[in-house]
Amino acid sequence: MRGQCWVIDGDTIVINKQHIRLAGIDAPELDHPWGQRSKWALVQMCKGQMITARIRPELSYDRLVAECYLPDGSDLAAELVRCGLALDWPKFSGGKYRHLEPVDARRKLWRAAGRQSGRIFPPPGF
């Protein structure tokens, strides 16, 4: 699938009326710390660009799941992780993006990290 996109949040876009979850990452929810910043970083990356979505077989809450790329071949998920605005989600990525996470990313995005591990609140000292 290819087209211009509308950004919903830091890990969801819409192309041709299809909601697409970026594969392998977890970005903060809009009402969580860093959520709005993650969304607007993705807006800036995608603005005016034709996005290529390589659809994967799984679904996530009725959304397609895809690896999404800019025309220059940049992986949107990788760029968000590199910026510290999303986390690698090993359960779904196999650890593909973990090496791109800045040192403090899991502390900064503690709600997303907690969601991945099933924790609601960060442990003491997190």
PDB file of N, CA and C in Angstrom:
ATOM      1  N   MET A   1       0.857  -1.164   0.000  1.00  0.00           N
ATOM      2  CA  MET A   1       0.000   0.000   0.000  1.00  0.00           C
ATOM      3  C   MET A   1       0.904   1.228   0.000  1.00  0.00           C
ATOM      4  N   ARG A   2       0.472   2.236  -0.716  1.00  0.00           N
ATOM      5  CA  ARG A   2       1.287   3.447  -0.821  1.00  0.00           C
ATOM      6  C   ARG A   2       0.387   4.662  -0.895  1.00  0.00           C
ATOM      7  N   GLY A   3       0.780   5.743  -0.225  1.00  0.00           N
ATOM      8  CA  GLY A   3       0.017   6.983  -0.303  1.00  0.00           C
ATOM      9  C   GLY A   3       0.452   7.953   0.770  1.00  0.00           C
ATOM     10  N   GLN A   4      -0.156   9.138   0.712  1.00  0.00           N
ATOM     11  CA  GLN A   4       0.094  10.098   1.778  1.00  0.00           C
ATOM     12  C   GLN A   4      -0.692   9.634   2.995  1.00  0.00           C
ATOM     13  N   CYS A   5      -0.205  10.003   4.163  1.00  0.00           N
ATOM     14  CA  CYS A   5      -0.854   9.495   5.372  1.00  0.00           C
ATOM     15  C   CYS A   5      -1.346  10.616   6.268  1.00  0.00           C
ATOM     16  N   TRP A   6      -2.244  10.235   7.137  1.00  0.00           N
ATOM     17  CA  TRP A   6      -2.748  11.062   8.222  1.00  0.00           C
ATOM     18  C   TRP A   6      -2.251  10.406   9.493  1.00  0.00           C
ATOM     19  N   VAL A   7      -1.635  11.158  10.384  1.00  0.00           N
ATOM     20  CA  VAL A   7      -1.083  10.606  11.620  1.00  0.00           C
ATOM     21  C   VAL A   7      -2.128  10.680  12.731  1.00  0.00           C
ATOM     22  N   ILE A   8      -2.392   9.543  13.350  1.00  0.00           N
ATOM     23  CA  ILE A   8      -3.330   9.471  14.471  1.00  0.00           C
ATOM     24  C   ILE A   8      -2.582   9.666  15.790  1.00  0.00           C
ATOM     25  N   ASP A   9      -1.510   8.918  15.972  1.00  0.00           N
ATOM     26  CA  ASP A   9      -0.663   9.048  17.159  1.00  0.00           C
ATOM     27  C   ASP A   9       0.737   8.559  16.794  1.00  0.00           C
ATOM     28  N   GLY A  10       1.589   8.343  17.765  1.00  0.00           N
ATOM     29  CA  GLY A  10       2.980   8.013  17.494  1.00  0.00           C
ATOM     30  C   GLY A  10       3.230   6.659  16.860  1.00  0.00           C
ATOM     31  N   ASP A  11       2.219   5.800  16.803  1.00  0.00           N
ATOM     32  CA  ASP A  11       2.419   4.508  16.136  1.00  0.00           C
ATOM     33  C   ASP A  11       1.235   4.086  15.271  1.00  0.00           C
ATOM     34  N   THR A  12       0.384   5.045  14.902  1.00  0.00           N
ATOM     35  CA  THR A  12      -0.766   4.743  14.039  1.00  0.00           C
ATOM     36  C   THR A  12      -0.918   5.824  12.977  1.00  0.00           C
ATOM     37  N   ILE A  13      -1.037   5.382  11.728  1.00  0.00           N
ATOM     38  CA  ILE A  13      -1.285   6.292  10.609  1.00  0.00           C
ATOM     39  C   ILE A  13      -2.481   5.766   9.807  1.00  0.00           C
ATOM     40  N   VAL A  14      -2.975   6.602   8.916  1.00  0.00           N
ATOM     41  CA  VAL A  14      -4.047   6.208   8.006  1.00  0.00           C
ATOM     42  C   VAL A  14      -3.577   6.480   6.582  1.00  0.00           C
ATOM     43  N   ILE A  15      -3.659   5.452   5.734  1.00  0.00           N
ATOM     44  CA  ILE A  15      -3.378   5.596   4.305  1.00  0.00           C
ATOM     45  C   ILE A  15      -4.585   5.039   3.568  1.00  0.00           C
ATOM     46  N   ASN A  16      -5.123   5.824   2.654  1.00  0.00           N
ATOM     47  CA  ASN A  16      -6.288   5.382   1.867  1.00  0.00           C
ATOM     48  C   ASN A  16      -7.400   4.825   2.757  1.00  0.00           C
ATOM     49  N   LYS A  17      -7.705   5.542   3.830  1.00  0.00           N
ATOM     50  CA  LYS A  17      -8.771   5.184   4.777  1.00  0.00           C
ATOM     51  C   LYS A  17      -8.516   3.908   5.572  1.00  0.00           C
ATOM     52  N   GLN A  18      -7.300   3.369   5.513  1.00  0.00           N
ATOM     53  CA  GLN A  18      -6.926   2.176   6.270  1.00  0.00           C
ATOM     54  C   GLN A  18      -6.064   2.576   7.464  1.00  0.00           C
ATOM     55  N   HIS A  19      -6.511   2.237   8.670  1.00  0.00           N
ATOM     56  CA  HIS A  19      -5.712   2.489   9.864  1.00  0.00           C
ATOM     57  C   HIS A  19      -4.585   1.459   9.915  1.00  0.00           C
ATOM     58  N   ILE A  20      -3.367   1.956  10.122  1.00  0.00           N
ATOM     59  CA  ILE A  20      -2.172   1.114  10.106  1.00  0.00           C
ATOM     60  C   ILE A  20      -1.368   1.339  11.373  1.00  0.00           C
ATOM     61  N   ARG A  21      -1.072   0.251  12.055  1.00  0.00           N
ATOM     62  CA  ARG A  21      -0.222   0.274  13.248  1.00  0.00           C
ATOM     63  C   ARG A  21       1.208   0.012  12.794  1.00  0.00           C
ATOM     64  N   LEU A  22       2.141   0.891  13.184  1.00  0.00           N
ATOM     65  CA  LEU A  22       3.542   0.678  12.839  1.00  0.00           C
ATOM     66  C   LEU A  22       4.038  -0.574  13.547  1.00  0.00           C
ATOM     67  N   ALA A  23       4.587  -1.497  12.795  1.00  0.00           N
ATOM     68  CA  ALA A  23       5.006  -2.796  13.317  1.00  0.00           C
ATOM     69  C   ALA A  23       6.224  -2.680  14.220  1.00  0.00           C
ATOM     70  N   GLY A  24       6.190  -3.407  15.342  1.00  0.00           N
ATOM     71  CA  GLY A  24       7.373  -3.611  16.161  1.00  0.00           C
ATOM     72  C   GLY A  24       7.723  -2.555  17.170  1.00  0.00           C
ATOM     73  N   ILE A  25       6.912  -1.489  17.268  1.00  0.00           N
ATOM     74  CA  ILE A  25       7.228  -0.435  18.234  1.00  0.00           C
ATOM     75  C   ILE A  25       6.012  -0.117  19.087  1.00  0.00           C
ATOM     76  N   ASP A  26       6.264   0.630  20.150  1.00  0.00           N
ATOM     77  CA  ASP A  26       5.214   1.107  21.038  1.00  0.00           C
ATOM     78  C   ASP A  26       5.514   2.560  21.356  1.00  0.00           C
ATOM     79  N   ALA A  27       4.621   3.441  20.946  1.00  0.00           N
ATOM     80  CA  ALA A  27       4.760   4.866  21.246  1.00  0.00           C
ATOM     81  C   ALA A  27       3.793   5.217  22.374  1.00  0.00           C
ATOM     82  N   PRO A  28       4.087   6.260  23.133  1.00  0.00           N
ATOM     83  CA  PRO A  28       3.189   6.647  24.222  1.00  0.00           C
ATOM     84  C   PRO A  28       1.815   7.053  23.696  1.00  0.00           C
ATOM     85  N   GLU A  29       0.789   6.796  24.507  1.00  0.00           N
ATOM     86  CA  GLU A  29      -0.554   7.254  24.163  1.00  0.00           C
ATOM     87  C   GLU A  29      -0.574   8.775  24.190  1.00  0.00           C
ATOM     88  N   LEU A  30      -1.506   9.377  23.482  1.00  0.00           N
ATOM     89  CA  LEU A  30      -1.547  10.832  23.368  1.00  0.00           C
ATOM     90  C   LEU A  30      -1.660  11.540  24.712  1.00  0.00           C
ATOM     91  N   ASP A  31      -2.342  10.928  25.676  1.00  0.00           N
ATOM     92  CA  ASP A  31      -2.511  11.566  26.978  1.00  0.00           C
ATOM     93  C   ASP A  31      -1.421  11.184  27.977  1.00  0.00           C
ATOM     94  N   HIS A  32      -0.412  10.448  27.536  1.00  0.00           N
ATOM     95  CA  HIS A  32       0.722  10.088  28.389  1.00  0.00           C
ATOM     96  C   HIS A  32       1.880  11.045  28.126  1.00  0.00           C
ATOM     97  N   PRO A  33       2.827  11.114  29.070  1.00  0.00           N
ATOM     98  CA  PRO A  33       4.008  11.950  28.812  1.00  0.00           C
ATOM     99  C   PRO A  33       4.664  11.559  27.487  1.00  0.00           C
ATOM    100  N   TRP A  34       5.034  12.519  26.719  1.00  0.00           N
ATOM    101  CA  TRP A  34       5.697  12.369  25.426  1.00  0.00           C
ATOM    102  C   TRP A  34       4.764  11.910  24.295  1.00  0.00           C
ATOM    103  N   GLY A  35       3.502  11.652  24.569  1.00  0.00           N
ATOM    104  CA  GLY A  35       2.578  11.175  23.541  1.00  0.00           C
ATOM    105  C   GLY A  35       2.359  12.173  22.416  1.00  0.00           C
ATOM    106  N   GLN A  36       2.088  13.417  22.763  1.00  0.00           N
ATOM    107  CA  GLN A  36       1.870  14.446  21.743  1.00  0.00           C
ATOM    108  C   GLN A  36       3.161  14.690  20.950  1.00  0.00           C
ATOM    109  N   ARG A  37       4.272  14.693  21.646  1.00  0.00           N
ATOM    110  CA  ARG A  37       5.561  14.930  20.968  1.00  0.00           C
ATOM    111  C   ARG A  37       5.864  13.815  19.961  1.00  0.00           C
ATOM    112  N   SER A  38       5.543  12.578  20.339  1.00  0.00           N
ATOM    113  CA  SER A  38       5.736  11.445  19.438  1.00  0.00           C
ATOM    114  C   SER A  38       4.869  11.602  18.190  1.00  0.00           C
ATOM    115  N   LYS A  39       3.612  11.964  18.394  1.00  0.00           N
ATOM    116  CA  LYS A  39       2.705  12.161  17.256  1.00  0.00           C
ATOM    117  C   LYS A  39       3.244  13.241  16.316  1.00  0.00           C
ATOM    118  N   TRP A  40       3.629  14.382  16.873  1.00  0.00           N
ATOM    119  CA  TRP A  40       4.051  15.498  16.011  1.00  0.00           C
ATOM    120  C   TRP A  40       5.392  15.240  15.336  1.00  0.00           C
ATOM    121  N   ALA A  41       6.231  14.439  15.934  1.00  0.00           N
ATOM    122  CA  ALA A  41       7.471  14.039  15.257  1.00  0.00           C
ATOM    123  C   ALA A  41       7.130  13.201  14.025  1.00  0.00           C
ATOM    124  N   LEU A  42       6.161  12.298  14.174  1.00  0.00           N
ATOM    125  CA  LEU A  42       5.735  11.470  13.045  1.00  0.00           C
ATOM    126  C   LEU A  42       5.056  12.324  11.973  1.00  0.00           C
ATOM    127  N   VAL A  43       4.266  13.306  12.387  1.00  0.00           N
ATOM    128  CA  VAL A  43       3.646  14.234  11.424  1.00  0.00           C
ATOM    129  C   VAL A  43       4.726  14.919  10.597  1.00  0.00           C
ATOM    130  N   GLN A  44       5.763  15.416  11.253  1.00  0.00           N
ATOM    131  CA  GLN A  44       6.840  16.113  10.544  1.00  0.00           C
ATOM    132  C   GLN A  44       7.573  15.191   9.576  1.00  0.00           C
ATOM    133  N   MET A  45       7.801  13.942   9.982  1.00  0.00           N
ATOM    134  CA  MET A  45       8.488  12.987   9.104  1.00  0.00           C
ATOM    135  C   MET A  45       7.662  12.704   7.845  1.00  0.00           C
ATOM    136  N   CYS A  46       6.353  12.585   8.028  1.00  0.00           N
ATOM    137  CA  CYS A  46       5.474  12.133   6.937  1.00  0.00           C
ATOM    138  C   CYS A  46       4.927  13.258   6.074  1.00  0.00           C
ATOM    139  N   LYS A  47       4.991  14.471   6.547  1.00  0.00           N
ATOM    140  CA  LYS A  47       4.361  15.606   5.880  1.00  0.00           C
ATOM    141  C   LYS A  47       4.780  15.714   4.419  1.00  0.00           C
ATOM    142  N   GLY A  48       3.783  15.600   3.530  1.00  0.00           N
ATOM    143  CA  GLY A  48       4.021  15.739   2.095  1.00  0.00           C
ATOM    144  C   GLY A  48       4.715  14.548   1.449  1.00  0.00           C
ATOM    145  N   GLN A  49       4.927  13.480   2.189  1.00  0.00           N
ATOM    146  CA  GLN A  49       5.661  12.316   1.686  1.00  0.00           C
ATOM    147  C   GLN A  49       4.694  11.211   1.259  1.00  0.00           C
ATOM    148  N   MET A  50       5.120  10.420   0.310  1.00  0.00           N
ATOM    149  CA  MET A  50       4.398   9.204  -0.059  1.00  0.00           C
ATOM    150  C   MET A  50       4.967   8.083   0.811  1.00  0.00           C
ATOM    151  N   ILE A  51       4.119   7.482   1.611  1.00  0.00           N
ATOM    152  CA  ILE A  51       4.535   6.430   2.536  1.00  0.00           C
ATOM    153  C   ILE A  51       4.231   5.072   1.914  1.00  0.00           C
ATOM    154  N   THR A  52       5.188   4.180   1.999  1.00  0.00           N
ATOM    155  CA  THR A  52       4.995   2.802   1.543  1.00  0.00           C
ATOM    156  C   THR A  52       4.796   1.929   2.771  1.00  0.00           C
ATOM    157  N   ALA A  53       3.673   1.206   2.805  1.00  0.00           N
ATOM    158  CA  ALA A  53       3.351   0.319   3.925  1.00  0.00           C
ATOM    159  C   ALA A  53       3.416  -1.124   3.451  1.00  0.00           C
ATOM    160  N   ARG A  54       4.312  -1.887   4.047  1.00  0.00           N
ATOM    161  CA  ARG A  54       4.395  -3.324   3.761  1.00  0.00           C
ATOM    162  C   ARG A  54       3.562  -4.039   4.812  1.00  0.00           C
ATOM    163  N   ILE A  55       2.374  -4.434   4.416  1.00  0.00           N
ATOM    164  CA  ILE A  55       1.389  -5.013   5.324  1.00  0.00           C
ATOM    165  C   ILE A  55       1.849  -6.382   5.817  1.00  0.00           C
ATOM    166  N   ARG A  56       1.696  -6.596   7.123  1.00  0.00           N
ATOM    167  CA  ARG A  56       2.003  -7.890   7.739  1.00  0.00           C
ATOM    168  C   ARG A  56       0.687  -8.627   7.983  1.00  0.00           C
ATOM    169  N   PRO A  57       0.749  -9.920   8.211  1.00  0.00           N
ATOM    170  CA  PRO A  57      -0.487 -10.699   8.332  1.00  0.00           C
ATOM    171  C   PRO A  57      -1.305 -10.447   9.596  1.00  0.00           C
ATOM    172  N   GLU A  58      -0.679  -9.965  10.672  1.00  0.00           N
ATOM    173  CA  GLU A  58      -1.423  -9.793  11.910  1.00  0.00           C
ATOM    174  C   GLU A  58      -2.245  -8.503  11.925  1.00  0.00           C
ATOM    175  N   LEU A  59      -3.227  -8.452  12.823  1.00  0.00           N
ATOM    176  CA  LEU A  59      -4.025  -7.257  13.063  1.00  0.00           C
ATOM    177  C   LEU A  59      -3.780  -6.807  14.493  1.00  0.00           C
ATOM    178  N   SER A  60      -3.979  -5.522  14.753  1.00  0.00           N
ATOM    179  CA  SER A  60      -3.868  -4.978  16.097  1.00  0.00           C
ATOM    180  C   SER A  60      -5.082  -4.092  16.337  1.00  0.00           C
ATOM    181  N   TYR A  61      -6.014  -4.559  17.151  1.00  0.00           N
ATOM    182  CA  TYR A  61      -7.248  -3.809  17.434  1.00  0.00           C
ATOM    183  C   TYR A  61      -7.906  -3.334  16.142  1.00  0.00           C
ATOM    184  N   ASP A  62      -8.131  -4.247  15.240  1.00  0.00           N
ATOM    185  CA  ASP A  62      -8.787  -3.981  13.951  1.00  0.00           C
ATOM    186  C   ASP A  62      -7.991  -3.062  13.027  1.00  0.00           C
ATOM    187  N   ARG A  63      -6.711  -2.864  13.314  1.00  0.00           N
ATOM    188  CA  ARG A  63      -5.850  -2.082  12.427  1.00  0.00           C
ATOM    189  C   ARG A  63      -4.917  -3.037  11.698  1.00  0.00           C
ATOM    190  N   LEU A  64      -4.596  -2.675  10.477  1.00  0.00           N
ATOM    191  CA  LEU A  64      -3.537  -3.394   9.779  1.00  0.00           C
ATOM    192  C   LEU A  64      -2.230  -3.106  10.500  1.00  0.00           C
ATOM    193  N   VAL A  65      -1.283  -3.994  10.390  1.00  0.00           N
ATOM    194  CA  VAL A  65       0.055  -3.797  10.951  1.00  0.00           C
ATOM    195  C   VAL A  65       1.021  -3.787   9.769  1.00  0.00           C
ATOM    196  N   ALA A  66       1.923  -2.816   9.743  1.00  0.00           N
ATOM    197  CA  ALA A  66       2.828  -2.698   8.597  1.00  0.00           C
ATOM    198  C   ALA A  66       4.147  -2.071   8.985  1.00  0.00           C
ATOM    199  N   GLU A  67       5.162  -2.415   8.221  1.00  0.00           N
ATOM    200  CA  GLU A  67       6.427  -1.700   8.252  1.00  0.00           C
ATOM    201  C   GLU A  67       6.248  -0.571   7.252  1.00  0.00           C
ATOM    202  N   CYS A  68       6.521   0.653   7.675  1.00  0.00           N
ATOM    203  CA  CYS A  68       6.234   1.825   6.839  1.00  0.00           C
ATOM    204  C   CYS A  68       7.514   2.602   6.550  1.00  0.00           C
ATOM    205  N   TYR A  69       7.630   3.030   5.303  1.00  0.00           N
ATOM    206  CA  TYR A  69       8.869   3.652   4.833  1.00  0.00           C
ATOM    207  C   TYR A  69       8.619   4.961   4.111  1.00  0.00           C
ATOM    208  N   LEU A  70       9.565   5.885   4.283  1.00  0.00           N
ATOM    209  CA  LEU A  70       9.601   7.126   3.523  1.00  0.00           C
ATOM    210  C   LEU A  70      10.166   6.831   2.134  1.00  0.00           C
ATOM    211  N   PRO A  71      10.016   7.757   1.172  1.00  0.00           N
ATOM    212  CA  PRO A  71      10.554   7.526  -0.167  1.00  0.00           C
ATOM    213  C   PRO A  71      12.059   7.238  -0.204  1.00  0.00           C
ATOM    214  N   ASP A  72      12.813   7.770   0.773  1.00  0.00           N
ATOM    215  CA  ASP A  72      14.265   7.516   0.785  1.00  0.00           C
ATOM    216  C   ASP A  72      14.623   6.174   1.419  1.00  0.00           C
ATOM    217  N   GLY A  73      13.596   5.396   1.821  1.00  0.00           N
ATOM    218  CA  GLY A  73      13.829   4.086   2.411  1.00  0.00           C
ATOM    219  C   GLY A  73      13.896   4.088   3.932  1.00  0.00           C
ATOM    220  N   SER A  74      13.813   5.259   4.552  1.00  0.00           N
ATOM    221  CA  SER A  74      13.846   5.333   6.017  1.00  0.00           C
ATOM    222  C   SER A  74      12.621   4.650   6.606  1.00  0.00           C
ATOM    223  N   ASP A  75      12.843   3.834   7.622  1.00  0.00           N
ATOM    224  CA  ASP A  75      11.799   3.113   8.332  1.00  0.00           C
ATOM    225  C   ASP A  75      11.226   4.052   9.402  1.00  0.00           C
ATOM    226  N   LEU A  76       9.923   4.346   9.331  1.00  0.00           N
ATOM    227  CA  LEU A  76       9.309   5.273  10.287  1.00  0.00           C
ATOM    228  C   LEU A  76       9.486   4.796  11.724  1.00  0.00           C
ATOM    229  N   ALA A  77       9.288   3.506  11.963  1.00  0.00           N
ATOM    230  CA  ALA A  77       9.434   2.970  13.317  1.00  0.00           C
ATOM    231  C   ALA A  77      10.855   3.180  13.831  1.00  0.00           C
ATOM    232  N   ALA A  78      11.832   2.890  13.017  1.00  0.00           N
ATOM    233  CA  ALA A  78      13.228   3.055  13.420  1.00  0.00           C
ATOM    234  C   ALA A  78      13.525   4.505  13.759  1.00  0.00           C
ATOM    235  N   GLU A  79      13.009   5.422  12.978  1.00  0.00           N
ATOM    236  CA  GLU A  79      13.265   6.848  13.229  1.00  0.00           C
ATOM    237  C   GLU A  79      12.651   7.296  14.549  1.00  0.00           C
ATOM    238  N   LEU A  80      11.435   6.842  14.859  1.00  0.00           N
ATOM    239  CA  LEU A  80      10.810   7.209  16.129  1.00  0.00           C
ATOM    240  C   LEU A  80      11.578   6.641  17.314  1.00  0.00           C
ATOM    241  N   VAL A  81      12.035   5.409  17.202  1.00  0.00           N
ATOM    242  CA  VAL A  81      12.822   4.802  18.276  1.00  0.00           C
ATOM    243  C   VAL A  81      14.143   5.555  18.433  1.00  0.00           C
ATOM    244  N   ARG A  82      14.809   5.846  17.333  1.00  0.00           N
ATOM    245  CA  ARG A  82      16.090   6.562  17.366  1.00  0.00           C
ATOM    246  C   ARG A  82      15.942   7.923  18.055  1.00  0.00           C
ATOM    247  N   CYS A  83      14.796   8.571  17.856  1.00  0.00           N
ATOM    248  CA  CYS A  83      14.533   9.890  18.468  1.00  0.00           C
ATOM    249  C   CYS A  83      14.136   9.778  19.935  1.00  0.00           C
ATOM    250  N   GLY A  84      13.949   8.563  20.443  1.00  0.00           N
ATOM    251  CA  GLY A  84      13.529   8.387  21.824  1.00  0.00           C
ATOM    252  C   GLY A  84      12.053   8.647  22.038  1.00  0.00           C
ATOM    253  N   LEU A  85      11.253   8.552  20.975  1.00  0.00           N
ATOM    254  CA  LEU A  85       9.822   8.834  21.067  1.00  0.00           C
ATOM    255  C   LEU A  85       8.959   7.594  20.884  1.00  0.00           C
ATOM    256  N   ALA A  86       9.577   6.436  20.825  1.00  0.00           N
ATOM    257  CA  ALA A  86       8.899   5.140  20.793  1.00  0.00           C
ATOM    258  C   ALA A  86       9.910   4.104  21.271  1.00  0.00           C
ATOM    259  N   LEU A  87       9.388   2.960  21.688  1.00  0.00           N
ATOM    260  CA  LEU A  87      10.239   1.865  22.160  1.00  0.00           C
ATOM    261  C   LEU A  87      10.111   0.661  21.250  1.00  0.00           C
ATOM    262  N   ASP A  88      11.195  -0.072  21.150  1.00  0.00           N
ATOM    263  CA  ASP A  88      11.139  -1.373  20.500  1.00  0.00           C
ATOM    264  C   ASP A  88      10.197  -2.248  21.327  1.00  0.00           C
ATOM    265  N   TRP A  89       9.369  -3.067  20.656  1.00  0.00           N
ATOM    266  CA  TRP A  89       8.499  -4.005  21.367  1.00  0.00           C
ATOM    267  C   TRP A  89       8.924  -5.392  20.934  1.00  0.00           C
ATOM    268  N   PRO A  90       9.871  -5.990  21.677  1.00  0.00           N
ATOM    269  CA  PRO A  90      10.479  -7.259  21.261  1.00  0.00           C
ATOM    270  C   PRO A  90       9.481  -8.376  20.962  1.00  0.00           C
ATOM    271  N   LYS A  91       8.361  -8.389  21.674  1.00  0.00           N
ATOM    272  CA  LYS A  91       7.333  -9.412  21.442  1.00  0.00           C
ATOM    273  C   LYS A  91       6.881  -9.415  19.983  1.00  0.00           C
ATOM    274  N   PHE A  92       6.881  -8.232  19.356  1.00  0.00           N
ATOM    275  CA  PHE A  92       6.411  -8.098  17.984  1.00  0.00           C
ATOM    276  C   PHE A  92       7.522  -7.824  16.974  1.00  0.00           C
ATOM    277  N   SER A  93       8.661  -7.326  17.455  1.00  0.00           N
ATOM    278  CA  SER A  93       9.749  -6.960  16.537  1.00  0.00           C
ATOM    279  C   SER A  93      10.884  -7.976  16.523  1.00  0.00           C
ATOM    280  N   GLY A  94      10.922  -8.836  17.530  1.00  0.00           N
ATOM    281  CA  GLY A  94      12.066  -9.730  17.675  1.00  0.00           C
ATOM    282  C   GLY A  94      13.321  -8.976  18.093  1.00  0.00           C
ATOM    283  N   GLY A  95      13.147  -7.741  18.590  1.00  0.00           N
ATOM    284  CA  GLY A  95      14.287  -6.922  19.019  1.00  0.00           C
ATOM    285  C   GLY A  95      14.911  -6.094  17.910  1.00  0.00           C
ATOM    286  N   LYS A  96      14.236  -6.011  16.793  1.00  0.00           N
ATOM    287  CA  LYS A  96      14.760  -5.323  15.607  1.00  0.00           C
ATOM    288  C   LYS A  96      15.213  -3.884  15.875  1.00  0.00           C
ATOM    289  N   TYR A  97      14.501  -3.167  16.744  1.00  0.00           N
ATOM    290  CA  TYR A  97      14.783  -1.744  16.956  1.00  0.00           C
ATOM    291  C   TYR A  97      15.471  -1.443  18.291  1.00  0.00           C
ATOM    292  N   ARG A  98      15.681  -2.440  19.115  1.00  0.00           N
ATOM    293  CA  ARG A  98      16.203  -2.207  20.473  1.00  0.00           C
ATOM    294  C   ARG A  98      17.534  -1.456  20.462  1.00  0.00           C
ATOM    295  N   HIS A  99      18.408  -1.790  19.527  1.00  0.00           N
ATOM    296  CA  HIS A  99      19.731  -1.149  19.479  1.00  0.00           C
ATOM    297  C   HIS A  99      19.651   0.345  19.149  1.00  0.00           C
ATOM    298  N   LEU A 100      18.491   0.802  18.680  1.00  0.00           N
ATOM    299  CA  LEU A 100      18.313   2.211  18.323  1.00  0.00           C
ATOM    300  C   LEU A 100      17.821   3.062  19.491  1.00  0.00           C
ATOM    301  N   GLU A 101      17.371   2.416  20.569  1.00  0.00           N
ATOM    302  CA  GLU A 101      16.832   3.163  21.709  1.00  0.00           C
ATOM    303  C   GLU A 101      17.923   3.961  22.406  1.00  0.00           C
ATOM    304  N   PRO A 102      17.692   5.256  22.616  1.00  0.00           N
ATOM    305  CA  PRO A 102      18.638   6.029  23.430  1.00  0.00           C
ATOM    306  C   PRO A 102      18.699   5.438  24.839  1.00  0.00           C
ATOM    307  N   VAL A 103      19.785   5.667  25.535  1.00  0.00           N
ATOM    308  CA  VAL A 103      20.019   5.084  26.847  1.00  0.00           C
ATOM    309  C   VAL A 103      18.860   5.324  27.817  1.00  0.00           C
ATOM    310  N   ASP A 104      18.281   6.508  27.834  1.00  0.00           N
ATOM    311  CA  ASP A 104      17.244   6.844  28.809  1.00  0.00           C
ATOM    312  C   ASP A 104      15.818   6.633  28.303  1.00  0.00           C
ATOM    313  N   ALA A 105      15.647   6.037  27.133  1.00  0.00           N
ATOM    314  CA  ALA A 105      14.319   5.945  26.522  1.00  0.00           C
ATOM    315  C   ALA A 105      13.317   5.191  27.387  1.00  0.00           C
ATOM    316  N   ARG A 106      13.685   4.077  27.974  1.00  0.00           N
ATOM    317  CA  ARG A 106      12.729   3.283  28.762  1.00  0.00           C
ATOM    318  C   ARG A 106      12.348   3.983  30.061  1.00  0.00           C
ATOM    319  N   ARG A 107      13.247   4.775  30.602  1.00  0.00           N
ATOM    320  CA  ARG A 107      12.910   5.569  31.792  1.00  0.00           C
ATOM    321  C   ARG A 107      11.954   6.695  31.398  1.00  0.00           C
ATOM    322  N   LYS A 108      12.256   7.370  30.297  1.00  0.00           N
ATOM    323  CA  LYS A 108      11.435   8.494  29.840  1.00  0.00           C
ATOM    324  C   LYS A 108      10.036   8.019  29.427  1.00  0.00           C
ATOM    325  N   LEU A 109       9.966   6.915  28.746  1.00  0.00           N
ATOM    326  CA  LEU A 109       8.688   6.395  28.247  1.00  0.00           C
ATOM    327  C   LEU A 109       8.209   5.241  29.129  1.00  0.00           C
ATOM    328  N   TRP A 110       8.259   5.432  30.433  1.00  0.00           N
ATOM    329  CA  TRP A 110       7.975   4.371  31.391  1.00  0.00           C
ATOM    330  C   TRP A 110       6.585   3.782  31.242  1.00  0.00           C
ATOM    331  N   ARG A 111       5.610   4.570  30.820  1.00  0.00           N
ATOM    332  CA  ARG A 111       4.259   4.003  30.665  1.00  0.00           C
ATOM    333  C   ARG A 111       4.228   2.980  29.538  1.00  0.00           C
ATOM    334  N   ALA A 112       4.874   3.283  28.433  1.00  0.00           N
ATOM    335  CA  ALA A 112       4.923   2.317  27.322  1.00  0.00           C
ATOM    336  C   ALA A 112       5.733   1.089  27.745  1.00  0.00           C
ATOM    337  N   ALA A 113       6.831   1.292  28.428  1.00  0.00           N
ATOM    338  CA  ALA A 113       7.646   0.165  28.895  1.00  0.00           C
ATOM    339  C   ALA A 113       6.842  -0.707  29.851  1.00  0.00           C
ATOM    340  N   GLY A 114       6.067  -0.081  30.730  1.00  0.00           N
ATOM    341  CA  GLY A 114       5.226  -0.820  31.659  1.00  0.00           C
ATOM    342  C   GLY A 114       4.133  -1.593  30.958  1.00  0.00           C
ATOM    343  N   ARG A 115       3.575  -1.017  29.916  1.00  0.00           N
ATOM    344  CA  ARG A 115       2.527  -1.697  29.148  1.00  0.00           C
ATOM    345  C   ARG A 115       3.095  -2.968  28.516  1.00  0.00           C
ATOM    346  N   GLN A 116       4.302  -2.898  28.013  1.00  0.00           N
ATOM    347  CA  GLN A 116       4.921  -4.066  27.386  1.00  0.00           C
ATOM    348  C   GLN A 116       5.119  -5.202  28.376  1.00  0.00           C
ATOM    349  N   SER A 117       5.454  -4.866  29.594  1.00  0.00           N
ATOM    350  CA  SER A 117       5.743  -5.901  30.586  1.00  0.00           C
ATOM    351  C   SER A 117       4.524  -6.279  31.412  1.00  0.00           C
ATOM    352  N   GLY A 118       3.410  -5.582  31.203  1.00  0.00           N
ATOM    353  CA  GLY A 118       2.194  -5.883  31.948  1.00  0.00           C
ATOM    354  C   GLY A 118       2.099  -5.123  33.248  1.00  0.00           C
ATOM    355  N   ARG A 119       3.063  -4.250  33.540  1.00  0.00           N
ATOM    356  CA  ARG A 119       3.010  -3.429  34.759  1.00  0.00           C
ATOM    357  C   ARG A 119       2.172  -2.192  34.471  1.00  0.00           C
ATOM    358  N   ILE A 120       1.458  -1.747  35.474  1.00  0.00           N
ATOM    359  CA  ILE A 120       0.677  -0.519  35.337  1.00  0.00           C
ATOM    360  C   ILE A 120       1.504   0.681  35.778  1.00  0.00           C
ATOM    361  N   PHE A 121       2.217   0.536  36.880  1.00  0.00           N
ATOM    362  CA  PHE A 121       3.014   1.631  37.423  1.00  0.00           C
ATOM    363  C   PHE A 121       4.489   1.227  37.385  1.00  0.00           C
ATOM    364  N   PRO A 122       5.384   2.207  37.312  1.00  0.00           N
ATOM    365  CA  PRO A 122       6.805   1.876  37.312  1.00  0.00           C
ATOM    366  C   PRO A 122       7.235   1.362  38.693  1.00  0.00           C
ATOM    367  N   PRO A 123       8.209   0.466  38.728  1.00  0.00           N
ATOM    368  CA  PRO A 123       8.709   0.009  40.033  1.00  0.00           C
ATOM    369  C   PRO A 123       9.480   1.137  40.709  1.00  0.00           C
ATOM    370  N   PRO A 124       9.690   1.039  42.020  1.00  0.00           N
ATOM    371  CA  PRO A 124      10.462   2.086  42.712  1.00  0.00           C
ATOM    372  C   PRO A 124      11.829   2.273  42.047  1.00  0.00           C
ATOM    373  N   GLY A 125      12.201   3.517  41.852  1.00  0.00           N
ATOM    374  CA  GLY A 125      13.499   3.836  41.271  1.00  0.00           C
ATOM    375  C   GLY A 125      13.557   3.737  39.768  1.00  0.00           C
ATOM    376  N   PHE A 126      12.423   3.433  39.098  1.00  0.00           N
ATOM    377  CA  PHE A 126      12.436   3.314  37.632  1.00  0.00           C
ATOM    378  C   PHE A 126      12.480   4.673  37.022  1.00  0.00           C
TER     379      PHE A 126
END
